[in-house]
Amino acid sequence: MGYLLLELGVLLVILGGLFLLMGYIPGLGHLPGDIRVQKGNVSCFFPLATMIVVSVILTLLLNLILRLWR
């Protein structure tokens, strides 16, 4: 179990680095359902729809990886 968690952690670090190198994924962050509030000098951004899409994609990817390992 420890090695599995270690491998998943390394995979997450690699994915995070790829996202930083790419800068952004086109279209994400501008989906309907993302909440953007601007009042005066203050702005807040809540990417609800984007996080749901990312969660579904990562869940499918992780399930595929785990099925191939079995």
PDB file of N, CA and C in Angstrom:
ATOM      1  N   MET A   1       0.825  -1.185   0.000  1.00  0.00           N
ATOM      2  CA  MET A   1       0.000   0.000   0.000  1.00  0.00           C
ATOM      3  C   MET A   1       0.873   1.255   0.000  1.00  0.00           C
ATOM      4  N   GLY A   2       1.987   1.194   0.705  1.00  0.00           N
ATOM      5  CA  GLY A   2       2.880   2.342   0.767  1.00  0.00           C
ATOM      6  C   GLY A   2       3.478   2.686  -0.591  1.00  0.00           C
ATOM      7  N   TYR A   3       3.871   1.649  -1.343  1.00  0.00           N
ATOM      8  CA  TYR A   3       4.446   1.897  -2.662  1.00  0.00           C
ATOM      9  C   TYR A   3       3.402   2.467  -3.629  1.00  0.00           C
ATOM     10  N   LEU A   4       2.162   1.999  -3.504  1.00  0.00           N
ATOM     11  CA  LEU A   4       1.094   2.516  -4.349  1.00  0.00           C
ATOM     12  C   LEU A   4       0.876   4.001  -4.078  1.00  0.00           C
ATOM     13  N   LEU A   5       0.836   4.382  -2.818  1.00  0.00           N
ATOM     14  CA  LEU A   5       0.668   5.791  -2.471  1.00  0.00           C
ATOM     15  C   LEU A   5       1.852   6.624  -2.939  1.00  0.00           C
ATOM     16  N   LEU A   6       3.039   6.069  -2.838  1.00  0.00           N
ATOM     17  CA  LEU A   6       4.232   6.773  -3.304  1.00  0.00           C
ATOM     18  C   LEU A   6       4.192   6.973  -4.820  1.00  0.00           C
ATOM     19  N   GLU A   7       3.812   5.932  -5.551  1.00  0.00           N
ATOM     20  CA  GLU A   7       3.717   6.045  -7.004  1.00  0.00           C
ATOM     21  C   GLU A   7       2.634   7.044  -7.420  1.00  0.00           C
ATOM     22  N   LEU A   8       1.502   7.022  -6.741  1.00  0.00           N
ATOM     23  CA  LEU A   8       0.446   7.987  -7.050  1.00  0.00           C
ATOM     24  C   LEU A   8       0.891   9.414  -6.733  1.00  0.00           C
ATOM     25  N   GLY A   9       1.637   9.584  -5.674  1.00  0.00           N
ATOM     26  CA  GLY A   9       2.165  10.901  -5.340  1.00  0.00           C
ATOM     27  C   GLY A   9       3.126  11.412  -6.396  1.00  0.00           C
ATOM     28  N   VAL A  10       3.995  10.537  -6.886  1.00  0.00           N
ATOM     29  CA  VAL A  10       4.932  10.923  -7.944  1.00  0.00           C
ATOM     30  C   VAL A  10       4.163  11.272  -9.213  1.00  0.00           C
ATOM     31  N   LEU A  11       3.124  10.502  -9.524  1.00  0.00           N
ATOM     32  CA  LEU A  11       2.296  10.788 -10.697  1.00  0.00           C
ATOM     33  C   LEU A  11       1.620  12.149 -10.568  1.00  0.00           C
ATOM     34  N   LEU A  12       1.119  12.476  -9.392  1.00  0.00           N
ATOM     35  CA  LEU A  12       0.491  13.779  -9.183  1.00  0.00           C
ATOM     36  C   LEU A  12       1.490  14.921  -9.316  1.00  0.00           C
ATOM     37  N   VAL A  13       2.706  14.716  -8.831  1.00  0.00           N
ATOM     38  CA  VAL A  13       3.740  15.749  -8.970  1.00  0.00           C
ATOM     39  C   VAL A  13       4.074  15.970 -10.441  1.00  0.00           C
ATOM     40  N   ILE A  14       4.178  14.885 -11.200  1.00  0.00           N
ATOM     41  CA  ILE A  14       4.472  15.003 -12.629  1.00  0.00           C
ATOM     42  C   ILE A  14       3.329  15.719 -13.349  1.00  0.00           C
ATOM     43  N   LEU A  15       2.082  15.344 -13.047  1.00  0.00           N
ATOM     44  CA  LEU A  15       0.935  16.010 -13.671  1.00  0.00           C
ATOM     45  C   LEU A  15       0.889  17.489 -13.305  1.00  0.00           C
ATOM     46  N   GLY A  16       1.161  17.807 -12.058  1.00  0.00           N
ATOM     47  CA  GLY A  16       1.189  19.206 -11.636  1.00  0.00           C
ATOM     48  C   GLY A  16       2.257  19.991 -12.378  1.00  0.00           C
ATOM     49  N   GLY A  17       3.421  19.398 -12.556  1.00  0.00           N
ATOM     50  CA  GLY A  17       4.488  20.054 -13.308  1.00  0.00           C
ATOM     51  C   GLY A  17       4.110  20.280 -14.761  1.00  0.00           C
ATOM     52  N   LEU A  18       3.416  19.298 -15.352  1.00  0.00           N
ATOM     53  CA  LEU A  18       2.967  19.475 -16.739  1.00  0.00           C
ATOM     54  C   LEU A  18       1.964  20.614 -16.850  1.00  0.00           C
ATOM     55  N   PHE A  19       1.049  20.713 -15.884  1.00  0.00           N
ATOM     56  CA  PHE A  19       0.079  21.814 -15.906  1.00  0.00           C
ATOM     57  C   PHE A  19       0.783  23.156 -15.761  1.00  0.00           C
ATOM     58  N   LEU A  20       1.816  23.220 -14.934  1.00  0.00           N
ATOM     59  CA  LEU A  20       2.548  24.469 -14.789  1.00  0.00           C
ATOM     60  C   LEU A  20       3.306  24.826 -16.065  1.00  0.00           C
ATOM     61  N   LEU A  21       3.874  23.818 -16.723  1.00  0.00           N
ATOM     62  CA  LEU A  21       4.603  24.080 -17.960  1.00  0.00           C
ATOM     63  C   LEU A  21       3.674  24.505 -19.089  1.00  0.00           C
ATOM     64  N   MET A  22       2.493  23.935 -19.133  1.00  0.00           N
ATOM     65  CA  MET A  22       1.545  24.301 -20.178  1.00  0.00           C
ATOM     66  C   MET A  22       0.929  25.672 -19.921  1.00  0.00           C
ATOM     67  N   GLY A  23       0.925  26.112 -18.690  1.00  0.00           N
ATOM     68  CA  GLY A  23       0.341  27.405 -18.360  1.00  0.00           C
ATOM     69  C   GLY A  23      -1.141  27.283 -18.070  1.00  0.00           C
ATOM     70  N   TYR A  24      -1.851  26.681 -18.961  1.00  0.00           N
ATOM     71  CA  TYR A  24      -3.273  26.432 -18.775  1.00  0.00           C
ATOM     72  C   TYR A  24      -3.749  25.479 -19.854  1.00  0.00           C
ATOM     73  N   ILE A  25      -4.898  24.911 -19.650  1.00  0.00           N
ATOM     74  CA  ILE A  25      -5.526  24.069 -20.653  1.00  0.00           C
ATOM     75  C   ILE A  25      -6.593  24.923 -21.323  1.00  0.00           C
ATOM     76  N   PRO A  26      -6.544  25.073 -22.638  1.00  0.00           N
ATOM     77  CA  PRO A  26      -7.506  25.952 -23.320  1.00  0.00           C
ATOM     78  C   PRO A  26      -8.947  25.576 -23.000  1.00  0.00           C
ATOM     79  N   GLY A  27      -9.745  26.548 -22.648  1.00  0.00           N
ATOM     80  CA  GLY A  27     -11.155  26.331 -22.364  1.00  0.00           C
ATOM     81  C   GLY A  27     -11.462  26.154 -20.892  1.00  0.00           C
ATOM     82  N   LEU A  28     -10.538  25.565 -20.147  1.00  0.00           N
ATOM     83  CA  LEU A  28     -10.793  25.391 -18.724  1.00  0.00           C
ATOM     84  C   LEU A  28     -10.629  26.728 -18.012  1.00  0.00           C
ATOM     85  N   GLY A  29     -11.510  26.987 -17.080  1.00  0.00           N
ATOM     86  CA  GLY A  29     -11.477  28.249 -16.363  1.00  0.00           C
ATOM     87  C   GLY A  29     -12.434  29.262 -16.954  1.00  0.00           C
ATOM     88  N   HIS A  30     -13.016  28.923 -18.100  1.00  0.00           N
ATOM     89  CA  HIS A  30     -13.971  29.817 -18.745  1.00  0.00           C
ATOM     90  C   HIS A  30     -15.241  29.059 -19.092  1.00  0.00           C
ATOM     91  N   LEU A  31     -15.566  28.040 -18.316  1.00  0.00           N
ATOM     92  CA  LEU A  31     -16.742  27.233 -18.581  1.00  0.00           C
ATOM     93  C   LEU A  31     -17.973  27.871 -17.959  1.00  0.00           C
ATOM     94  N   PRO A  32     -19.158  27.598 -18.530  1.00  0.00           N
ATOM     95  CA  PRO A  32     -20.385  28.038 -17.862  1.00  0.00           C
ATOM     96  C   PRO A  32     -20.482  27.331 -16.507  1.00  0.00           C
ATOM     97  N   GLY A  33     -20.724  28.035 -15.483  1.00  0.00           N
ATOM     98  CA  GLY A  33     -20.762  27.460 -14.141  1.00  0.00           C
ATOM     99  C   GLY A  33     -19.589  27.907 -13.291  1.00  0.00           C
ATOM    100  N   ASP A  34     -18.558  28.461 -13.911  1.00  0.00           N
ATOM    101  CA  ASP A  34     -17.454  29.064 -13.163  1.00  0.00           C
ATOM    102  C   ASP A  34     -17.916  30.434 -12.684  1.00  0.00           C
ATOM    103  N   ILE A  35     -17.734  30.703 -11.424  1.00  0.00           N
ATOM    104  CA  ILE A  35     -18.235  31.942 -10.827  1.00  0.00           C
ATOM    105  C   ILE A  35     -17.100  32.945 -10.729  1.00  0.00           C
ATOM    106  N   ARG A  36     -17.325  34.119 -11.283  1.00  0.00           N
ATOM    107  CA  ARG A  36     -16.343  35.206 -11.244  1.00  0.00           C
ATOM    108  C   ARG A  36     -17.053  36.436 -10.681  1.00  0.00           C
ATOM    109  N   VAL A  37     -16.533  36.963  -9.585  1.00  0.00           N
ATOM    110  CA  VAL A  37     -17.128  38.127  -8.929  1.00  0.00           C
ATOM    111  C   VAL A  37     -16.085  39.237  -8.895  1.00  0.00           C
ATOM    112  N   GLN A  38     -16.470  40.413  -9.399  1.00  0.00           N
ATOM    113  CA  GLN A  38     -15.580  41.578  -9.368  1.00  0.00           C
ATOM    114  C   GLN A  38     -16.340  42.756  -8.792  1.00  0.00           C
ATOM    115  N   LYS A  39     -15.814  43.299  -7.715  1.00  0.00           N
ATOM    116  CA  LYS A  39     -16.402  44.485  -7.089  1.00  0.00           C
ATOM    117  C   LYS A  39     -15.277  45.432  -6.742  1.00  0.00           C
ATOM    118  N   GLY A  40     -15.206  46.520  -7.443  1.00  0.00           N
ATOM    119  CA  GLY A  40     -14.151  47.484  -7.179  1.00  0.00           C
ATOM    120  C   GLY A  40     -12.784  46.902  -7.468  1.00  0.00           C
ATOM    121  N   ASN A  41     -11.914  46.954  -6.459  1.00  0.00           N
ATOM    122  CA  ASN A  41     -10.551  46.440  -6.613  1.00  0.00           C
ATOM    123  C   ASN A  41     -10.422  44.969  -6.242  1.00  0.00           C
ATOM    124  N   VAL A  42     -11.525  44.334  -5.860  1.00  0.00           N
ATOM    125  CA  VAL A  42     -11.483  42.945  -5.393  1.00  0.00           C
ATOM    126  C   VAL A  42     -12.141  42.043  -6.431  1.00  0.00           C
ATOM    127  N   SER A  43     -11.475  40.944  -6.748  1.00  0.00           N
ATOM    128  CA  SER A  43     -12.078  39.957  -7.639  1.00  0.00           C
ATOM    129  C   SER A  43     -11.867  38.564  -7.055  1.00  0.00           C
ATOM    130  N   CYS A  44     -12.881  37.729  -7.180  1.00  0.00           N
ATOM    131  CA  CYS A  44     -12.830  36.347  -6.699  1.00  0.00           C
ATOM    132  C   CYS A  44     -13.260  35.434  -7.833  1.00  0.00           C
ATOM    133  N   PHE A  45     -12.622  34.287  -7.911  1.00  0.00           N
ATOM    134  CA  PHE A  45     -12.915  33.324  -8.961  1.00  0.00           C
ATOM    135  C   PHE A  45     -13.119  31.957  -8.335  1.00  0.00           C
ATOM    136  N   PHE A  46     -14.268  31.338  -8.593  1.00  0.00           N
ATOM    137  CA  PHE A  46     -14.598  30.019  -8.071  1.00  0.00           C
ATOM    138  C   PHE A  46     -14.859  29.093  -9.262  1.00  0.00           C
ATOM    139  N   PRO A  47     -13.876  28.280  -9.665  1.00  0.00           N
ATOM    140  CA  PRO A  47     -14.019  27.443 -10.868  1.00  0.00           C
ATOM    141  C   PRO A  47     -14.784  26.151 -10.596  1.00  0.00           C
ATOM    142  N   LEU A  48     -16.074  26.255 -10.292  1.00  0.00           N
ATOM    143  CA  LEU A  48     -16.858  25.074  -9.935  1.00  0.00           C
ATOM    144  C   LEU A  48     -16.977  24.083 -11.095  1.00  0.00           C
ATOM    145  N   ALA A  49     -17.390  24.540 -12.259  1.00  0.00           N
ATOM    146  CA  ALA A  49     -17.560  23.647 -13.409  1.00  0.00           C
ATOM    147  C   ALA A  49     -16.220  23.060 -13.853  1.00  0.00           C
ATOM    148  N   THR A  50     -15.179  23.869 -13.812  1.00  0.00           N
ATOM    149  CA  THR A  50     -13.853  23.394 -14.207  1.00  0.00           C
ATOM    150  C   THR A  50     -13.384  22.275 -13.280  1.00  0.00           C
ATOM    151  N   MET A  51     -13.592  22.434 -11.990  1.00  0.00           N
ATOM    152  CA  MET A  51     -13.157  21.406 -11.044  1.00  0.00           C
ATOM    153  C   MET A  51     -13.957  20.122 -11.198  1.00  0.00           C
ATOM    154  N   ILE A  52     -15.232  20.231 -11.572  1.00  0.00           N
ATOM    155  CA  ILE A  52     -16.026  19.023 -11.815  1.00  0.00           C
ATOM    156  C   ILE A  52     -15.484  18.293 -13.045  1.00  0.00           C
ATOM    157  N   VAL A  53     -15.186  19.018 -14.101  1.00  0.00           N
ATOM    158  CA  VAL A  53     -14.637  18.401 -15.318  1.00  0.00           C
ATOM    159  C   VAL A  53     -13.286  17.751 -15.030  1.00  0.00           C
ATOM    160  N   VAL A  54     -12.411  18.446 -14.331  1.00  0.00           N
ATOM    161  CA  VAL A  54     -11.094  17.895 -13.993  1.00  0.00           C
ATOM    162  C   VAL A  54     -11.245  16.660 -13.112  1.00  0.00           C
ATOM    163  N   SER A  55     -12.169  16.694 -12.168  1.00  0.00           N
ATOM    164  CA  SER A  55     -12.396  15.551 -11.288  1.00  0.00           C
ATOM    165  C   SER A  55     -12.869  14.330 -12.067  1.00  0.00           C
ATOM    166  N   VAL A  56     -13.791  14.514 -12.993  1.00  0.00           N
ATOM    167  CA  VAL A  56     -14.291  13.395 -13.796  1.00  0.00           C
ATOM    168  C   VAL A  56     -13.171  12.819 -14.663  1.00  0.00           C
ATOM    169  N   ILE A  57     -12.387  13.684 -15.301  1.00  0.00           N
ATOM    170  CA  ILE A  57     -11.292  13.213 -16.154  1.00  0.00           C
ATOM    171  C   ILE A  57     -10.253  12.445 -15.339  1.00  0.00           C
ATOM    172  N   LEU A  58      -9.867  12.972 -14.195  1.00  0.00           N
ATOM    173  CA  LEU A  58      -8.872  12.281 -13.361  1.00  0.00           C
ATOM    174  C   LEU A  58      -9.419  10.974 -12.801  1.00  0.00           C
ATOM    175  N   THR A  59     -10.709  10.922 -12.468  1.00  0.00           N
ATOM    176  CA  THR A  59     -11.317   9.685 -11.977  1.00  0.00           C
ATOM    177  C   THR A  59     -11.289   8.615 -13.062  1.00  0.00           C
ATOM    178  N   LEU A  60     -11.657   8.987 -14.278  1.00  0.00           N
ATOM    179  CA  LEU A  60     -11.623   8.025 -15.382  1.00  0.00           C
ATOM    180  C   LEU A  60     -10.200   7.560 -15.664  1.00  0.00           C
ATOM    181  N   LEU A  61      -9.256   8.477 -15.644  1.00  0.00           N
ATOM    182  CA  LEU A  61      -7.859   8.130 -15.888  1.00  0.00           C
ATOM    183  C   LEU A  61      -7.318   7.200 -14.811  1.00  0.00           C
ATOM    184  N   LEU A  62      -7.612   7.486 -13.559  1.00  0.00           N
ATOM    185  CA  LEU A  62      -7.139   6.641 -12.467  1.00  0.00           C
ATOM    186  C   LEU A  62      -7.770   5.258 -12.527  1.00  0.00           C
ATOM    187  N   ASN A  63      -9.067   5.181 -12.844  1.00  0.00           N
ATOM    188  CA  ASN A  63      -9.714   3.878 -12.985  1.00  0.00           C
ATOM    189  C   ASN A  63      -9.094   3.075 -14.115  1.00  0.00           C
ATOM    190  N   LEU A  64      -8.776   3.722 -15.224  1.00  0.00           N
ATOM    191  CA  LEU A  64      -8.134   3.035 -16.345  1.00  0.00           C
ATOM    192  C   LEU A  64      -6.763   2.511 -15.947  1.00  0.00           C
ATOM    193  N   ILE A  65      -5.979   3.328 -15.259  1.00  0.00           N
ATOM    194  CA  ILE A  65      -4.640   2.922 -14.814  1.00  0.00           C
ATOM    195  C   ILE A  65      -4.732   1.737 -13.850  1.00  0.00           C
ATOM    196  N   LEU A  66      -5.658   1.806 -12.903  1.00  0.00           N
ATOM    197  CA  LEU A  66      -5.788   0.718 -11.921  1.00  0.00           C
ATOM    198  C   LEU A  66      -6.280  -0.568 -12.575  1.00  0.00           C
ATOM    199  N   ARG A  67      -7.143  -0.479 -13.576  1.00  0.00           N
ATOM    200  CA  ARG A  67      -7.599  -1.680 -14.271  1.00  0.00           C
ATOM    201  C   ARG A  67      -6.464  -2.312 -15.087  1.00  0.00           C
ATOM    202  N   LEU A  68      -5.590  -1.496 -15.646  1.00  0.00           N
ATOM    203  CA  LEU A  68      -4.466  -2.040 -16.414  1.00  0.00           C
ATOM    204  C   LEU A  68      -3.422  -2.683 -15.511  1.00  0.00           C
ATOM    205  N   TRP A  69      -3.318  -2.239 -14.254  1.00  0.00           N
ATOM    206  CA  TRP A  69      -2.363  -2.812 -13.320  1.00  0.00           C
ATOM    207  C   TRP A  69      -2.802  -4.175 -12.800  1.00  0.00           C
ATOM    208  N   ARG A  70      -4.086  -4.456 -12.842  1.00  0.00           N
ATOM    209  CA  ARG A  70      -4.589  -5.727 -12.297  1.00  0.00           C
ATOM    210  C   ARG A  70      -4.387  -6.867 -13.238  1.00  0.00           C
TER     211      ARG A  70
END
